[in-house]
Amino acid sequence: MNLSSSNQRGEQSLLTRFFGAAFLTLAFGGKPLASWRMQPLAFHLGPFTIHWYGVLVALGFLAGLWTAGRRAPLSGIAPEKILDVGPWLIVGAIVGARILYVISYWDEEFARAPITHILMVQKGGLVYYGGLIGSSLAYIIYAVVRKLPFWRVADILAPSVALGYVFGRIGCLMNGCCFGRVCDLPWAVHFPEPHSTHGQAVHPTQIYDSLLNLLLYGVLAWLYRRKKFDGQVFGYYLVGFAITRSTVEVFRGDYSSYYAGWITPAHLLSAGILTTGLILLWILSRAGTSPGRKTGH
């Protein structure tokens, strides 16, 4: 049975106030956003149009690889090995994210469009869970071929994945995708026409997601220096991301349909990721694999 509007407002009230206060304080210094409008185009470079989405996704990859490279020596891993795996992760993430997006929105965007539209990733259209699956598969292949300590390197990468996601979600904000439900709150945002929100004020769910993942990055980076076994940080990333994503999904307004009035497809995927993370933590903790530490130069 669908939840009533009044019940939805009651259940979302506390979370809404928390996210709103954080958004105003950290992102825009407390200024109301009633007149602020998103612009997807960053600049023009000759005949090429550069979109903010592509710029910020690229910055996310660079920030993630840079921080992971600086973290690697703490576990006795050369930074070069992390940088070498970077191209594999980038290709796997983009291909996986795009494939899942095309599958999810085939009828709405691709069924009647030229086949080349599938390749237009610079304009947006990536599903994060597809990217997570694609990059994970690419990492598994690379780690097996190069004989890397699998869970130790996964722990090095995990906090940086959360950090890269922060940039990616800001890209979504500028691109106008992954937007929230209609609201009348002072930190609401407006997307310029033509946009499916038609100028209405909506929750800046992309900012909610970014702030929560910035917090997740800090927690994981702190945990990394205190982990008890290899794979612990990666396991906690899966758990933490599933929880933060499910929380923000409550405010999403870009889905054509919902289960039981509020459950999104990402909620279902998050449940699977959460379960996977918990099982992984249980198995690895029982295995008792000691964490890799820096042993010297």
Protein backbone atom coordinates (compact mmCIF):
# COMPACT_ATOMS: atom_id res chain seq x y z
CA MET A 1 0.00 0.00 0.00
CA ASN A 2 1.32 3.47 -0.90
CA LEU A 3 2.29 5.76 1.94
CA SER A 4 0.30 8.97 2.23
CA SER A 5 1.97 12.34 1.64
CA SER A 6 1.57 13.27 5.28
CA ASN A 7 3.25 10.06 6.44
CA GLN A 8 6.13 10.60 4.02
CA ARG A 9 6.65 14.13 5.30
CA GLY A 10 6.66 12.91 8.89
CA GLU A 11 9.19 10.16 8.22
CA GLN A 12 11.49 12.47 6.24
CA SER A 13 11.33 15.51 8.52
CA LEU A 14 14.28 14.77 10.81
CA LEU A 15 16.58 13.65 7.98
CA THR A 16 15.55 16.61 5.85
CA ARG A 17 16.49 19.14 8.54
CA PHE A 18 19.83 17.44 9.16
CA PHE A 19 20.82 17.29 5.50
CA GLY A 20 19.60 20.81 4.88
CA ALA A 21 21.61 22.30 7.72
CA ALA A 22 24.73 20.46 6.61
CA PHE A 23 24.23 21.55 3.02
CA LEU A 24 23.77 25.20 3.89
CA THR A 25 26.74 25.26 6.24
CA LEU A 26 29.28 23.26 4.25
CA ALA A 27 28.35 23.95 0.66
CA PHE A 28 26.96 27.45 0.45
CA GLY A 29 27.63 29.17 3.75
CA GLY A 30 23.98 29.21 4.77
CA LYS A 31 22.66 31.19 1.77
CA PRO A 32 19.14 30.35 0.52
CA LEU A 33 19.12 28.62 -2.87
CA ALA A 34 15.65 29.58 -4.05
CA SER A 35 17.03 31.46 -7.05
CA TRP A 36 20.08 29.29 -7.73
CA ARG A 37 19.88 27.33 -10.99
CA MET A 38 22.05 24.51 -12.32
CA GLN A 39 24.09 24.87 -15.50
CA PRO A 40 25.42 21.63 -17.09
CA LEU A 41 27.90 23.34 -19.45
CA ALA A 42 31.30 24.23 -18.04
CA PHE A 43 32.94 25.97 -21.02
CA HIS A 44 33.66 25.70 -24.72
CA LEU A 45 37.02 24.59 -26.05
CA GLY A 46 37.00 25.45 -29.72
CA PRO A 47 34.29 23.32 -31.34
CA PHE A 48 33.95 21.14 -28.23
CA THR A 49 31.48 21.68 -25.42
CA ILE A 50 32.81 20.64 -22.02
CA HIS A 51 30.20 19.51 -19.49
CA TRP A 52 30.59 19.88 -15.74
CA TYR A 53 29.63 16.24 -15.35
CA GLY A 54 32.66 15.02 -17.27
CA VAL A 55 34.99 17.48 -15.56
CA LEU A 56 33.90 16.47 -12.06
CA VAL A 57 33.92 12.73 -12.75
CA ALA A 58 37.49 13.11 -14.03
CA LEU A 59 38.44 15.08 -10.92
CA GLY A 60 36.89 12.34 -8.80
CA PHE A 61 39.06 9.68 -10.43
CA LEU A 62 42.19 11.82 -10.03
CA ALA A 63 41.48 12.62 -6.38
CA GLY A 64 40.76 8.96 -5.66
CA LEU A 65 43.94 7.67 -7.27
CA TRP A 66 46.09 10.38 -5.67
CA THR A 67 44.84 9.70 -2.14
CA ALA A 68 45.06 5.93 -2.63
CA GLY A 69 48.64 6.28 -3.85
CA ARG A 70 49.57 8.24 -0.72
CA ARG A 71 47.87 5.63 1.47
CA ALA A 72 49.53 2.61 -0.14
CA PRO A 73 52.99 2.84 1.54
CA LEU A 74 51.32 2.44 4.95
CA SER A 75 50.66 -1.18 3.93
CA GLY A 76 53.96 -1.75 2.19
CA ILE A 77 52.52 -1.30 -1.29
CA ALA A 78 54.35 0.87 -3.82
CA PRO A 79 52.25 3.86 -4.98
CA GLU A 80 53.07 2.92 -8.57
CA LYS A 81 51.06 -0.29 -8.23
CA ILE A 82 47.98 1.73 -7.29
CA LEU A 83 48.48 4.10 -10.21
CA ASP A 84 48.90 1.12 -12.56
CA VAL A 85 45.53 -0.30 -11.57
CA GLY A 86 43.89 3.11 -12.13
CA PRO A 87 43.18 2.78 -15.88
CA TRP A 88 41.60 -0.64 -15.31
CA LEU A 89 39.32 0.79 -12.62
CA ILE A 90 38.38 3.81 -14.73
CA VAL A 91 37.48 1.74 -17.80
CA GLY A 92 35.64 -0.86 -15.73
CA ALA A 93 33.70 1.80 -13.83
CA ILE A 94 32.61 3.76 -16.91
CA VAL A 95 31.68 0.68 -18.94
CA GLY A 96 29.78 -0.94 -16.08
CA ALA A 97 28.01 2.28 -15.11
CA ARG A 98 26.98 3.00 -18.68
CA ILE A 99 25.75 -0.53 -19.37
CA LEU A 100 23.49 -0.50 -16.32
CA TYR A 101 22.20 2.98 -17.20
CA VAL A 102 21.38 1.94 -20.77
CA ILE A 103 19.57 -1.16 -19.50
CA SER A 104 17.67 0.85 -16.89
CA TYR A 105 16.58 3.67 -19.21
CA TRP A 106 16.41 1.90 -22.57
CA ASP A 107 12.75 2.70 -23.28
CA GLU A 108 12.97 6.32 -22.12
CA GLU A 109 16.23 7.39 -23.79
CA PHE A 110 17.69 4.83 -26.18
CA ALA A 111 14.97 2.82 -27.92
CA ARG A 112 14.26 5.56 -30.49
CA ALA A 113 17.65 7.31 -30.45
CA PRO A 114 20.66 6.68 -32.71
CA ILE A 115 22.83 3.81 -31.50
CA THR A 116 25.72 6.26 -31.03
CA HIS A 117 23.74 7.88 -28.19
CA ILE A 118 24.86 4.99 -26.00
CA LEU A 119 28.42 6.34 -26.17
CA MET A 120 27.58 9.92 -25.11
CA VAL A 121 28.74 9.50 -21.52
CA GLN A 122 30.13 13.03 -21.28
CA LYS A 123 26.58 14.33 -20.95
CA GLY A 124 25.79 12.10 -18.00
CA GLY A 125 24.02 8.79 -17.72
CA LEU A 126 26.02 6.54 -15.43
CA VAL A 127 24.61 4.30 -12.71
CA TYR A 128 26.96 4.07 -9.76
CA TYR A 129 26.19 0.47 -8.83
CA GLY A 130 27.04 -0.56 -12.40
CA GLY A 131 30.33 1.29 -12.03
CA LEU A 132 31.03 -0.44 -8.72
CA ILE A 133 30.43 -3.84 -10.28
CA GLY A 134 32.44 -3.01 -13.40
CA SER A 135 35.43 -1.61 -11.51
CA SER A 136 35.35 -4.54 -9.07
CA LEU A 137 35.50 -7.04 -11.94
CA ALA A 138 38.33 -5.07 -13.55
CA TYR A 139 40.21 -5.02 -10.24
CA ILE A 140 39.74 -8.77 -9.72
CA ILE A 141 41.22 -9.48 -13.14
CA TYR A 142 44.13 -7.11 -12.63
CA ALA A 143 44.88 -8.33 -9.10
CA VAL A 144 44.94 -11.97 -10.23
CA VAL A 145 47.14 -11.25 -13.25
CA ARG A 146 49.58 -9.07 -11.26
CA LYS A 147 49.38 -11.24 -8.12
CA LEU A 148 48.53 -8.31 -5.85
CA PRO A 149 47.54 -8.87 -2.19
CA PHE A 150 43.83 -8.73 -3.00
CA TRP A 151 42.17 -7.50 0.20
CA ARG A 152 45.05 -5.30 1.24
CA VAL A 153 44.86 -3.29 -1.98
CA ALA A 154 41.05 -3.24 -1.77
CA ASP A 155 41.41 -1.56 1.63
CA ILE A 156 43.76 1.02 0.12
CA LEU A 157 41.23 1.85 -2.60
CA ALA A 158 38.03 1.84 -0.53
CA PRO A 159 38.26 5.31 1.13
CA SER A 160 39.25 6.85 -2.19
CA VAL A 161 36.20 5.36 -3.90
CA ALA A 162 34.03 7.27 -1.42
CA LEU A 163 36.00 10.45 -2.10
CA GLY A 164 35.67 10.09 -5.87
CA TYR A 165 31.91 9.63 -5.44
CA VAL A 166 31.74 13.06 -3.77
CA PHE A 167 32.95 14.71 -6.99
CA GLY A 168 30.75 12.53 -9.16
CA ARG A 169 27.59 13.49 -7.32
CA ILE A 170 28.39 17.20 -7.68
CA GLY A 171 28.67 16.45 -11.39
CA CYS A 172 25.17 14.96 -11.22
CA LEU A 173 23.95 18.16 -9.58
CA MET A 174 25.33 20.33 -12.38
CA ASN A 175 24.05 17.90 -15.00
CA GLY A 176 20.53 17.82 -13.57
CA CYS A 177 20.27 14.06 -13.04
CA CYS A 178 19.56 12.08 -9.86
CA PHE A 179 17.42 14.95 -8.54
CA GLY A 180 15.13 14.96 -5.53
CA ARG A 181 11.45 15.27 -4.76
CA VAL A 182 9.61 18.57 -4.93
CA CYS A 183 9.96 20.60 -1.74
CA ASP A 184 9.61 24.17 -0.45
CA LEU A 185 12.75 24.24 1.70
CA PRO A 186 15.22 27.17 1.60
CA TRP A 187 18.04 24.97 0.28
CA ALA A 188 15.98 23.62 -2.61
CA VAL A 189 17.46 23.88 -6.11
CA HIS A 190 15.96 24.63 -9.52
CA PHE A 191 16.95 23.14 -12.84
CA PRO A 192 16.60 25.30 -15.96
CA GLU A 193 14.21 24.37 -18.75
CA PRO A 194 13.99 22.01 -20.46
CA HIS A 195 14.07 19.73 -17.41
CA SER A 196 11.59 17.20 -16.12
CA THR A 197 11.13 19.18 -12.89
CA HIS A 198 9.79 22.14 -14.94
CA GLY A 199 11.46 24.71 -12.73
CA GLN A 200 10.02 23.39 -9.48
CA ALA A 201 12.11 23.50 -6.30
CA VAL A 202 13.48 20.07 -5.43
CA HIS A 203 15.71 18.44 -2.82
CA PRO A 204 19.43 18.68 -3.75
CA THR A 205 19.85 14.95 -3.23
CA GLN A 206 23.19 15.04 -5.03
CA ILE A 207 24.55 17.32 -2.28
CA TYR A 208 23.09 15.10 0.44
CA ASP A 209 24.91 12.16 -1.14
CA SER A 210 28.16 14.09 -1.49
CA LEU A 211 28.20 15.22 2.14
CA LEU A 212 27.48 11.75 3.45
CA ASN A 213 30.21 10.21 1.30
CA LEU A 214 32.67 12.87 2.39
CA LEU A 215 31.89 11.79 5.94
CA LEU A 216 32.25 8.14 4.90
CA TYR A 217 35.64 8.92 3.36
CA GLY A 218 36.84 10.45 6.64
CA VAL A 219 35.62 7.48 8.68
CA LEU A 220 37.24 4.94 6.34
CA ALA A 221 40.54 6.86 6.20
CA TRP A 222 40.54 6.89 10.03
CA LEU A 223 39.70 3.17 10.17
CA TYR A 224 42.44 2.31 7.67
CA ARG A 225 45.17 3.08 10.19
CA ARG A 226 43.41 0.99 12.84
CA LYS A 227 42.09 -2.00 10.90
CA LYS A 228 42.38 -5.49 12.43
CA PHE A 229 42.44 -7.56 9.24
CA ASP A 230 42.80 -7.12 5.48
CA GLY A 231 39.48 -6.46 3.81
CA GLN A 232 37.96 -4.75 6.84
CA VAL A 233 37.98 -1.25 5.33
CA PHE A 234 36.49 -2.45 2.04
CA GLY A 235 33.78 -4.37 3.92
CA TYR A 236 32.89 -1.29 5.93
CA TYR A 237 32.79 0.74 2.72
CA LEU A 238 30.14 -1.59 1.30
CA VAL A 239 28.10 -1.35 4.50
CA GLY A 240 28.52 2.41 4.85
CA PHE A 241 27.74 3.19 1.24
CA ALA A 242 24.64 0.99 1.25
CA ILE A 243 23.33 2.83 4.32
CA THR A 244 24.07 6.33 3.04
CA ARG A 245 22.69 5.62 -0.42
CA SER A 246 19.49 4.10 0.98
CA THR A 247 19.02 7.15 3.20
CA VAL A 248 19.34 9.63 0.34
CA GLU A 249 17.09 7.53 -1.89
CA VAL A 250 14.16 8.44 0.36
CA PHE A 251 14.35 11.96 -1.10
CA ARG A 252 14.88 11.00 -4.77
CA GLY A 253 12.26 12.18 -7.23
CA ASP A 254 13.61 11.09 -10.62
CA TYR A 255 12.15 7.59 -10.76
CA SER A 256 9.11 6.88 -12.89
CA SER A 257 7.74 4.41 -10.34
CA TYR A 258 8.36 3.31 -6.77
CA TYR A 259 7.73 0.11 -4.87
CA ALA A 260 5.26 0.57 -2.00
CA GLY A 261 5.27 4.29 -2.73
CA TRP A 262 8.87 5.04 -1.71
CA ILE A 263 11.25 2.10 -2.35
CA THR A 264 13.55 2.69 -5.35
CA PRO A 265 15.59 0.19 -7.39
CA ALA A 266 18.70 1.50 -5.62
CA HIS A 267 17.15 0.51 -2.29
CA LEU A 268 17.01 -3.08 -3.50
CA LEU A 269 20.59 -2.99 -4.76
CA SER A 270 21.72 -1.38 -1.51
CA ALA A 271 20.16 -4.22 0.45
CA GLY A 272 22.27 -6.66 -1.56
CA ILE A 273 25.44 -4.59 -1.10
CA LEU A 274 24.79 -4.27 2.63
CA THR A 275 24.34 -8.03 2.95
CA THR A 276 27.50 -8.66 0.93
CA GLY A 277 29.50 -6.28 3.13
CA LEU A 278 28.31 -7.85 6.36
CA ILE A 279 29.02 -11.38 5.13
CA LEU A 280 32.46 -10.31 3.89
CA LEU A 281 33.33 -8.76 7.26
CA TRP A 282 32.20 -11.89 9.08
CA ILE A 283 34.20 -14.25 6.83
CA LEU A 284 37.39 -12.19 6.80
CA SER A 285 37.32 -11.53 10.54
CA ARG A 286 37.07 -15.28 11.19
CA ALA A 287 39.89 -15.95 8.74
CA GLY A 288 42.07 -13.74 10.92
CA THR A 289 44.22 -12.33 8.11
CA SER A 290 46.63 -9.86 9.71
CA PRO A 291 46.65 -6.43 8.08
CA GLY A 292 49.66 -5.58 5.96
CA ARG A 293 51.92 -2.96 7.47
CA LYS A 294 54.80 -0.88 6.25
CA THR A 295 58.01 -2.82 6.77
CA GLY A 296 60.56 -0.23 5.65
CA HIS A 297 62.31 0.83 2.47
